[in-house]
Amino acid sequence: MSSSTPSTARIPVDDYRRLRAELRSVMPPEAFKQQPLRGVLAFAHVPVMIALVWAVGSGRLPWWACLLISFVLGQMLVTVGFVAHEALHHAVFRSKVLEELLGWIGFSPWLVTPGNWRAWHVQAHHSAANIHVRDPDILPRQHEWRTQWFAKLFHAISPGSRSWLSYISFSLFFTAQGQAFLWHHSNQPQLQHVRMNRARERILTVLLALGWGTLGWVLGPRGAFYALILPHLFSNITLMIYIATNHWLLPASEDTDNPFVNTASVATHPVMDWIHLNFSYHQEHHIFPAMSPKFAPLLRKHLRELNPEASIVYPHLHALRMLFWRPALYSDDGRTRVGPDGTPSVTHEELRRRLEAPTQPTL
């Protein structure tokens, strides 16, 4: 712990506004400025991806080369999507036109429009992360599973439910979440404050689906499989191995959006951090959503100096294993995970202890 900050070292985790203010004061001013070079990097991916799609669609490459290209395309989609995520948090461009263009390029492969993303992620999720009912991405509670069809479906595809669907759902989960918000969550009364032209975004989403379908028809079955379908599956899986570990191992709340409690980062392989532009630093992102992840390692350093317990970073593979070990429903108070009948159960204190311990959970 830094000896230069004795007066702030004891800021409790519950005093999240003060802790966030102290962090902002010690971060350099450039951390909160746009980083347009990241947008240039994302745009530079586009011609490369088009060339790879053409190579696969030509039908001249062997299957193993097409499979490799499919995986590379999937990772490039993820990288561009992560920069689009930053852009729609206003962390990349000052230009609204470039921001919107990058949003379309980055999220359209998953049938998510920039308007849908702003409503779903920026407005709904970031204003109420892991808050019961208000966060469209939160896992359901036990009583919701008993009474709501959507909660039953969400539980069935979530890791930890033991359903066979939960073991394959990551391949389509992110795309499904986007559609769930557009067609289901946005109609719910608790989200009527979200600013989105629902009719417009739904029409644009249908047109997106028709556009990708037309491209698949032009490429033919083999080309569509390697150039569109497999990259889509690979990218969904990659997105979800991050997203599922960010909040789904942490307690929920009735009314408090505290990123020092409800959001985790993961310690992943340095190559993944390089390729995916520090997206593993997700708690840091929730502390300052408009700050570029380029500065997330510095923010983590300062947070650990102020309050080490407030920094939640789990080993990535360990966290993924834990997702499938722990039950996938919240108890009514949000502090315990339970199965549909109440068993098995595990508290979030125990989950954190296991995640931070060197031993692995027993399945």
Protein backbone atom coordinates (compact mmCIF):
# COMPACT_ATOMS: atom_id res chain seq x y z
CA MET A 1 0.00 0.00 0.00
CA SER A 2 1.32 3.41 -0.86
CA SER A 3 2.53 5.46 2.10
CA SER A 4 1.67 8.64 0.19
CA THR A 5 -2.08 8.15 0.59
CA PRO A 6 -2.64 7.36 4.31
CA SER A 7 -5.72 9.56 4.58
CA THR A 8 -7.52 7.85 1.70
CA ALA A 9 -6.29 4.29 2.17
CA ARG A 10 -9.22 3.43 4.42
CA ILE A 11 -12.06 4.54 2.17
CA PRO A 12 -14.60 1.72 2.59
CA VAL A 13 -15.94 -0.15 -0.40
CA ASP A 14 -19.48 0.98 0.40
CA ASP A 15 -18.43 4.63 0.06
CA TYR A 16 -18.18 4.15 -3.69
CA ARG A 17 -18.77 7.79 -4.65
CA ARG A 18 -15.86 8.99 -2.52
CA LEU A 19 -13.64 6.16 -3.71
CA ARG A 20 -14.43 6.96 -7.33
CA ALA A 21 -13.78 10.68 -6.75
CA GLU A 22 -10.42 9.93 -5.15
CA LEU A 23 -9.45 7.71 -8.07
CA ARG A 24 -10.37 10.41 -10.55
CA SER A 25 -8.18 12.90 -8.72
CA VAL A 26 -5.08 10.70 -8.96
CA MET A 27 -5.53 9.69 -12.61
CA PRO A 28 -3.79 11.82 -15.28
CA PRO A 29 -6.09 14.16 -17.25
CA GLU A 30 -5.30 12.39 -20.55
CA ALA A 31 -6.98 9.23 -19.22
CA PHE A 32 -10.34 10.94 -19.74
CA LYS A 33 -9.68 12.17 -23.27
CA GLN A 34 -10.72 10.44 -26.49
CA GLN A 35 -8.27 7.99 -28.05
CA PRO A 36 -8.92 8.23 -31.82
CA LEU A 37 -6.02 5.95 -32.76
CA ARG A 38 -8.01 3.04 -31.37
CA GLY A 39 -10.80 3.90 -33.80
CA VAL A 40 -8.30 4.09 -36.67
CA LEU A 41 -7.09 0.62 -35.67
CA ALA A 42 -10.66 -0.68 -35.77
CA PHE A 43 -11.35 0.83 -39.20
CA ALA A 44 -8.08 -0.69 -40.47
CA HIS A 45 -9.46 -4.14 -39.64
CA VAL A 46 -12.32 -3.73 -42.09
CA PRO A 47 -10.48 -4.16 -45.43
CA VAL A 48 -8.55 -7.09 -43.97
CA MET A 49 -11.79 -8.78 -42.92
CA ILE A 50 -13.32 -8.17 -46.35
CA ALA A 51 -10.26 -9.77 -47.97
CA LEU A 52 -10.54 -12.80 -45.67
CA VAL A 53 -14.24 -13.18 -46.46
CA TRP A 54 -13.41 -13.04 -50.17
CA ALA A 55 -10.66 -15.64 -49.73
CA VAL A 56 -13.02 -18.03 -47.97
CA GLY A 57 -15.84 -17.36 -50.40
CA SER A 58 -13.65 -18.08 -53.42
CA GLY A 59 -13.81 -21.80 -52.70
CA ARG A 60 -10.13 -22.28 -53.51
CA LEU A 61 -8.83 -22.89 -49.98
CA PRO A 62 -8.80 -26.25 -48.15
CA TRP A 63 -11.14 -26.73 -45.23
CA TRP A 64 -8.43 -26.39 -42.60
CA ALA A 65 -7.36 -23.01 -43.99
CA CYS A 66 -11.00 -21.87 -44.04
CA LEU A 67 -11.41 -22.99 -40.43
CA LEU A 68 -8.34 -21.01 -39.38
CA ILE A 69 -9.61 -17.94 -41.23
CA SER A 70 -13.00 -18.34 -39.54
CA PHE A 71 -11.35 -18.21 -36.13
CA VAL A 72 -9.24 -15.18 -37.10
CA LEU A 73 -12.32 -13.43 -38.45
CA GLY A 74 -14.14 -14.13 -35.20
CA GLN A 75 -11.36 -12.53 -33.16
CA MET A 76 -11.20 -9.53 -35.47
CA LEU A 77 -14.95 -9.06 -35.07
CA VAL A 78 -14.46 -9.08 -31.30
CA THR A 79 -11.63 -6.55 -31.43
CA VAL A 80 -13.61 -4.15 -33.62
CA GLY A 81 -16.64 -4.69 -31.40
CA PHE A 82 -14.65 -3.79 -28.31
CA VAL A 83 -13.50 -0.53 -29.91
CA ALA A 84 -17.09 0.19 -30.95
CA HIS A 85 -18.06 -0.38 -27.32
CA GLU A 86 -15.51 2.24 -26.29
CA ALA A 87 -16.68 4.61 -29.02
CA LEU A 88 -20.32 4.51 -27.93
CA HIS A 89 -19.11 5.40 -24.43
CA HIS A 90 -17.51 8.49 -26.09
CA ALA A 91 -13.96 7.28 -25.40
CA VAL A 92 -12.68 7.16 -29.01
CA PHE A 93 -13.90 9.97 -31.32
CA ARG A 94 -15.21 13.47 -30.81
CA SER A 95 -17.03 13.16 -34.12
CA LYS A 96 -20.56 11.77 -33.67
CA VAL A 97 -20.52 10.62 -37.31
CA LEU A 98 -17.39 8.50 -36.84
CA GLU A 99 -18.74 7.23 -33.53
CA GLU A 100 -21.98 6.12 -35.17
CA LEU A 101 -20.17 4.56 -38.14
CA LEU A 102 -17.91 2.56 -35.85
CA GLY A 103 -20.95 1.49 -33.85
CA TRP A 104 -22.58 0.08 -36.99
CA ILE A 105 -19.42 -1.70 -38.11
CA GLY A 106 -18.67 -3.06 -34.66
CA PHE A 107 -22.06 -4.37 -33.59
CA SER A 108 -23.94 -5.22 -36.79
CA PRO A 109 -22.37 -8.73 -37.04
CA TRP A 110 -24.41 -9.61 -33.92
CA LEU A 111 -27.57 -7.89 -35.24
CA VAL A 112 -27.22 -5.07 -32.72
CA THR A 113 -27.74 -1.51 -33.94
CA PRO A 114 -25.94 1.44 -32.29
CA GLY A 115 -29.31 2.66 -31.02
CA ASN A 116 -30.11 -0.68 -29.45
CA TRP A 117 -26.63 -0.86 -27.89
CA ARG A 118 -26.86 2.60 -26.37
CA ALA A 119 -30.23 1.78 -24.82
CA TRP A 120 -29.31 -1.74 -23.71
CA HIS A 121 -25.75 -1.32 -22.52
CA VAL A 122 -24.98 2.36 -21.98
CA GLN A 123 -28.33 3.43 -20.49
CA ALA A 124 -29.89 0.32 -18.92
CA HIS A 125 -26.93 -1.81 -17.87
CA HIS A 126 -24.49 0.90 -16.83
CA SER A 127 -27.08 2.74 -14.76
CA ALA A 128 -28.08 -0.39 -12.83
CA ALA A 129 -25.39 -3.08 -13.05
CA ASN A 130 -26.45 -6.17 -11.10
CA ILE A 131 -29.54 -4.45 -9.71
CA HIS A 132 -32.56 -6.74 -9.56
CA VAL A 133 -35.20 -6.09 -12.24
CA ARG A 134 -33.49 -2.95 -13.60
CA ASP A 135 -30.41 -4.58 -15.16
CA PRO A 136 -31.46 -6.45 -18.31
CA ASP A 137 -28.34 -8.65 -18.08
CA ILE A 138 -28.78 -9.84 -14.48
CA LEU A 139 -29.45 -13.49 -13.72
CA PRO A 140 -32.92 -14.22 -12.31
CA ARG A 141 -33.92 -14.81 -8.71
CA GLN A 142 -35.45 -18.06 -7.49
CA HIS A 143 -38.97 -16.66 -7.20
CA GLU A 144 -38.71 -15.14 -10.70
CA TRP A 145 -37.75 -18.57 -12.08
CA ARG A 146 -40.93 -19.97 -10.54
CA THR A 147 -43.28 -17.35 -11.99
CA GLN A 148 -41.78 -15.94 -15.22
CA TRP A 149 -41.25 -17.74 -18.53
CA PHE A 150 -38.34 -15.50 -19.51
CA ALA A 151 -36.54 -16.22 -16.22
CA LYS A 152 -36.91 -19.95 -16.87
CA LEU A 153 -35.42 -19.56 -20.35
CA PHE A 154 -32.57 -17.33 -19.14
CA HIS A 155 -31.75 -19.81 -16.39
CA ALA A 156 -31.79 -22.77 -18.80
CA ILE A 157 -29.14 -21.23 -21.05
CA SER A 158 -26.99 -19.81 -18.22
CA PRO A 159 -23.83 -21.60 -17.02
CA GLY A 160 -24.47 -23.30 -13.70
CA SER A 161 -28.04 -24.37 -14.49
CA ARG A 162 -26.80 -27.87 -15.47
CA SER A 163 -29.07 -27.75 -18.51
CA TRP A 164 -27.53 -29.15 -21.69
CA LEU A 165 -28.30 -25.80 -23.33
CA SER A 166 -26.02 -24.04 -20.84
CA TYR A 167 -23.00 -25.91 -22.22
CA ILE A 168 -23.50 -24.71 -25.79
CA SER A 169 -25.29 -21.39 -25.31
CA PHE A 170 -22.17 -19.18 -25.38
CA SER A 171 -22.01 -19.71 -29.14
CA LEU A 172 -25.10 -17.50 -29.57
CA PHE A 173 -25.56 -15.84 -26.18
CA PHE A 174 -24.47 -12.29 -26.98
CA THR A 175 -26.60 -12.12 -30.10
CA ALA A 176 -29.53 -13.52 -28.13
CA GLN A 177 -29.05 -10.94 -25.37
CA GLY A 178 -29.26 -8.12 -27.89
CA GLN A 179 -32.49 -9.49 -29.32
CA ALA A 180 -33.88 -10.12 -25.84
CA PHE A 181 -33.42 -6.47 -24.95
CA LEU A 182 -34.86 -5.21 -28.25
CA TRP A 183 -37.97 -7.38 -28.30
CA HIS A 184 -38.57 -8.20 -24.61
CA HIS A 185 -36.80 -6.04 -22.02
CA SER A 186 -37.42 -2.73 -23.74
CA ASN A 187 -41.17 -3.35 -23.34
CA GLN A 188 -40.93 -3.80 -19.58
CA PRO A 189 -42.22 -0.95 -17.36
CA GLN A 190 -38.97 -0.70 -15.37
CA LEU A 191 -37.11 0.25 -18.58
CA GLN A 192 -39.55 2.72 -20.07
CA HIS A 193 -37.15 5.52 -19.11
CA VAL A 194 -34.60 4.21 -21.62
CA ARG A 195 -34.41 6.46 -24.68
CA MET A 196 -34.81 4.35 -27.80
CA ASN A 197 -37.06 4.50 -30.83
CA ARG A 198 -38.15 0.88 -30.55
CA ALA A 199 -39.93 0.71 -33.91
CA ARG A 200 -36.93 2.20 -35.74
CA GLU A 201 -34.38 -0.10 -34.11
CA ARG A 202 -36.52 -3.17 -34.73
CA ILE A 203 -36.92 -2.32 -38.41
CA LEU A 204 -33.18 -1.69 -38.75
CA THR A 205 -32.44 -5.01 -37.02
CA VAL A 206 -34.67 -6.91 -39.43
CA LEU A 207 -32.94 -5.16 -42.35
CA LEU A 208 -29.56 -6.12 -40.87
CA ALA A 209 -30.63 -9.76 -40.69
CA LEU A 210 -31.83 -9.63 -44.30
CA GLY A 211 -28.55 -8.03 -45.37
CA TRP A 212 -26.40 -10.69 -43.73
CA GLY A 213 -28.71 -13.37 -45.12
CA THR A 214 -28.29 -11.95 -48.63
CA LEU A 215 -24.51 -11.96 -48.27
CA GLY A 216 -24.68 -15.59 -47.14
CA TRP A 217 -26.78 -16.47 -50.21
CA VAL A 218 -24.20 -14.76 -52.48
CA LEU A 219 -21.32 -16.63 -50.83
CA GLY A 220 -23.07 -19.97 -51.10
CA PRO A 221 -23.39 -22.64 -48.38
CA ARG A 222 -19.67 -23.34 -47.96
CA GLY A 223 -18.62 -19.70 -48.08
CA ALA A 224 -21.40 -18.62 -45.71
CA PHE A 225 -20.46 -21.35 -43.25
CA TYR A 226 -16.79 -20.35 -43.03
CA ALA A 227 -17.12 -16.60 -43.60
CA LEU A 228 -20.26 -15.80 -41.61
CA ILE A 229 -21.59 -18.61 -39.41
CA LEU A 230 -18.37 -19.88 -37.81
CA PRO A 231 -16.93 -16.38 -37.15
CA HIS A 232 -20.27 -15.48 -35.57
CA LEU A 233 -20.09 -18.50 -33.26
CA PHE A 234 -16.41 -17.95 -32.42
CA SER A 235 -17.01 -14.26 -31.67
CA ASN A 236 -20.02 -14.98 -29.44
CA ILE A 237 -18.01 -17.49 -27.41
CA THR A 238 -15.12 -15.06 -27.05
CA LEU A 239 -17.39 -12.23 -25.95
CA MET A 240 -19.17 -14.40 -23.40
CA ILE A 241 -16.05 -15.78 -21.73
CA TYR A 242 -15.43 -12.18 -20.73
CA ILE A 243 -18.99 -10.95 -20.17
CA ALA A 244 -20.15 -13.92 -18.10
CA THR A 245 -17.28 -13.50 -15.64
CA ASN A 246 -17.80 -9.75 -15.21
CA HIS A 247 -21.01 -9.84 -13.13
CA TRP A 248 -22.41 -13.36 -12.86
CA LEU A 249 -20.15 -14.38 -9.97
CA LEU A 250 -20.99 -11.36 -7.84
CA PRO A 251 -23.82 -10.30 -5.51
CA ALA A 252 -26.87 -8.38 -6.66
CA SER A 253 -28.57 -5.37 -5.13
CA GLU A 254 -32.04 -3.85 -4.91
CA ASP A 255 -30.92 -0.30 -5.63
CA THR A 256 -27.15 0.33 -5.50
CA ASP A 257 -24.86 0.35 -8.53
CA ASN A 258 -21.49 -0.07 -6.81
CA PRO A 259 -18.71 -1.14 -9.24
CA PHE A 260 -16.45 -2.03 -6.31
CA VAL A 261 -18.91 -4.79 -5.39
CA ASN A 262 -20.92 -5.78 -8.48
CA THR A 263 -18.25 -5.95 -11.21
CA ALA A 264 -15.12 -8.08 -11.61
CA SER A 265 -12.15 -8.04 -13.92
CA VAL A 266 -10.28 -11.15 -15.00
CA ALA A 267 -6.57 -11.84 -15.19
CA THR A 268 -6.23 -13.38 -18.63
CA HIS A 269 -3.33 -14.26 -20.93
CA PRO A 270 -1.28 -11.22 -22.05
CA VAL A 271 -1.87 -12.16 -25.70
CA MET A 272 -5.62 -11.94 -25.14
CA ASP A 273 -5.21 -8.57 -23.45
CA TRP A 274 -3.22 -7.38 -26.47
CA ILE A 275 -5.66 -8.72 -29.06
CA HIS A 276 -8.77 -7.65 -27.16
CA LEU A 277 -7.42 -4.24 -26.09
CA ASN A 278 -7.64 -4.70 -22.31
CA PHE A 279 -11.31 -5.65 -22.22
CA SER A 280 -10.45 -7.95 -19.30
CA TYR A 281 -10.21 -4.80 -17.16
CA HIS A 282 -13.98 -4.65 -16.79
CA GLN A 283 -14.29 -3.41 -13.22
CA GLU A 284 -12.10 -0.49 -14.22
CA HIS A 285 -14.46 0.16 -17.13
CA HIS A 286 -17.47 0.33 -14.81
CA ILE A 287 -15.66 2.74 -12.51
CA PHE A 288 -15.07 5.16 -15.40
CA PRO A 289 -17.08 4.05 -18.50
CA ALA A 290 -15.79 6.94 -20.66
CA MET A 291 -12.14 6.20 -19.87
CA SER A 292 -10.18 4.27 -22.48
CA PRO A 293 -9.11 0.77 -21.34
CA LYS A 294 -5.62 1.89 -22.37
CA PHE A 295 -5.42 3.46 -18.88
CA ALA A 296 -7.12 0.61 -17.00
CA PRO A 297 -3.86 -0.93 -15.65
CA LEU A 298 -2.94 2.41 -14.10
CA LEU A 299 -6.41 2.75 -12.59
CA ARG A 300 -6.13 -0.72 -11.05
CA LYS A 301 -2.76 0.23 -9.54
CA HIS A 302 -4.25 3.31 -7.88
CA LEU A 303 -7.32 1.39 -6.69
CA ARG A 304 -5.16 -1.22 -5.00
CA GLU A 305 -3.21 1.54 -3.28
CA LEU A 306 -6.43 3.10 -1.97
CA ASN A 307 -8.26 -0.09 -1.02
CA PRO A 308 -6.97 -3.51 -2.12
CA GLU A 309 -10.26 -5.22 -1.21
CA ALA A 310 -12.12 -3.01 -3.67
CA SER A 311 -10.16 -4.43 -6.61
CA ILE A 312 -11.83 -7.66 -7.79
CA VAL A 313 -9.69 -9.58 -10.28
CA TYR A 314 -10.20 -13.31 -10.80
CA PRO A 315 -8.04 -15.78 -12.77
CA HIS A 316 -9.89 -16.11 -16.06
CA LEU A 317 -9.97 -19.91 -16.41
CA HIS A 318 -10.77 -20.35 -12.73
CA ALA A 319 -13.68 -17.92 -13.05
CA LEU A 320 -15.03 -19.77 -16.10
CA ARG A 321 -14.92 -23.07 -14.23
CA MET A 322 -16.68 -21.47 -11.27
CA LEU A 323 -19.49 -20.24 -13.55
CA PHE A 324 -20.44 -23.83 -14.28
CA TRP A 325 -19.94 -24.94 -10.67
CA ARG A 326 -22.09 -22.44 -8.80
CA PRO A 327 -25.92 -22.38 -9.07
CA ALA A 328 -27.32 -19.88 -11.57
CA LEU A 329 -30.17 -18.31 -9.56
CA TYR A 330 -30.01 -15.55 -6.98
CA SER A 331 -31.74 -15.89 -3.65
CA ASP A 332 -34.25 -13.13 -2.97
CA ASP A 333 -31.69 -11.00 -1.10
CA GLY A 334 -29.10 -11.35 -3.88
CA ARG A 335 -26.38 -12.56 -1.50
CA THR A 336 -26.61 -16.29 -2.18
CA ARG A 337 -26.73 -18.50 -5.27
CA VAL A 338 -29.26 -21.31 -5.25
CA GLY A 339 -30.71 -23.97 -7.49
CA PRO A 340 -34.40 -23.94 -8.49
CA ASP A 341 -35.35 -25.97 -5.38
CA GLY A 342 -33.03 -24.01 -3.08
CA THR A 343 -30.17 -26.49 -3.22
CA PRO A 344 -27.30 -26.43 -3.72
CA SER A 345 -26.55 -22.97 -2.34
CA VAL A 346 -23.41 -20.91 -1.92
CA THR A 347 -22.91 -17.39 -0.59
CA HIS A 348 -21.03 -14.79 -2.58
CA GLU A 349 -18.51 -14.50 0.23
CA GLU A 350 -17.73 -18.18 -0.27
CA LEU A 351 -17.60 -17.71 -4.04
CA ARG A 352 -15.06 -14.92 -3.71
CA ARG A 353 -12.98 -16.97 -1.27
CA ARG A 354 -12.90 -19.88 -3.71
CA LEU A 355 -12.14 -17.64 -6.67
CA GLU A 356 -9.22 -16.01 -4.90
CA ALA A 357 -7.89 -19.32 -3.55
CA PRO A 358 -5.36 -21.40 -5.52
CA THR A 359 -7.52 -24.55 -5.35
CA GLN A 360 -10.13 -25.31 -7.98
CA PRO A 361 -13.86 -25.95 -7.34
CA THR A 362 -15.09 -29.51 -7.42
CA LEU A 363 -17.78 -30.11 -10.00
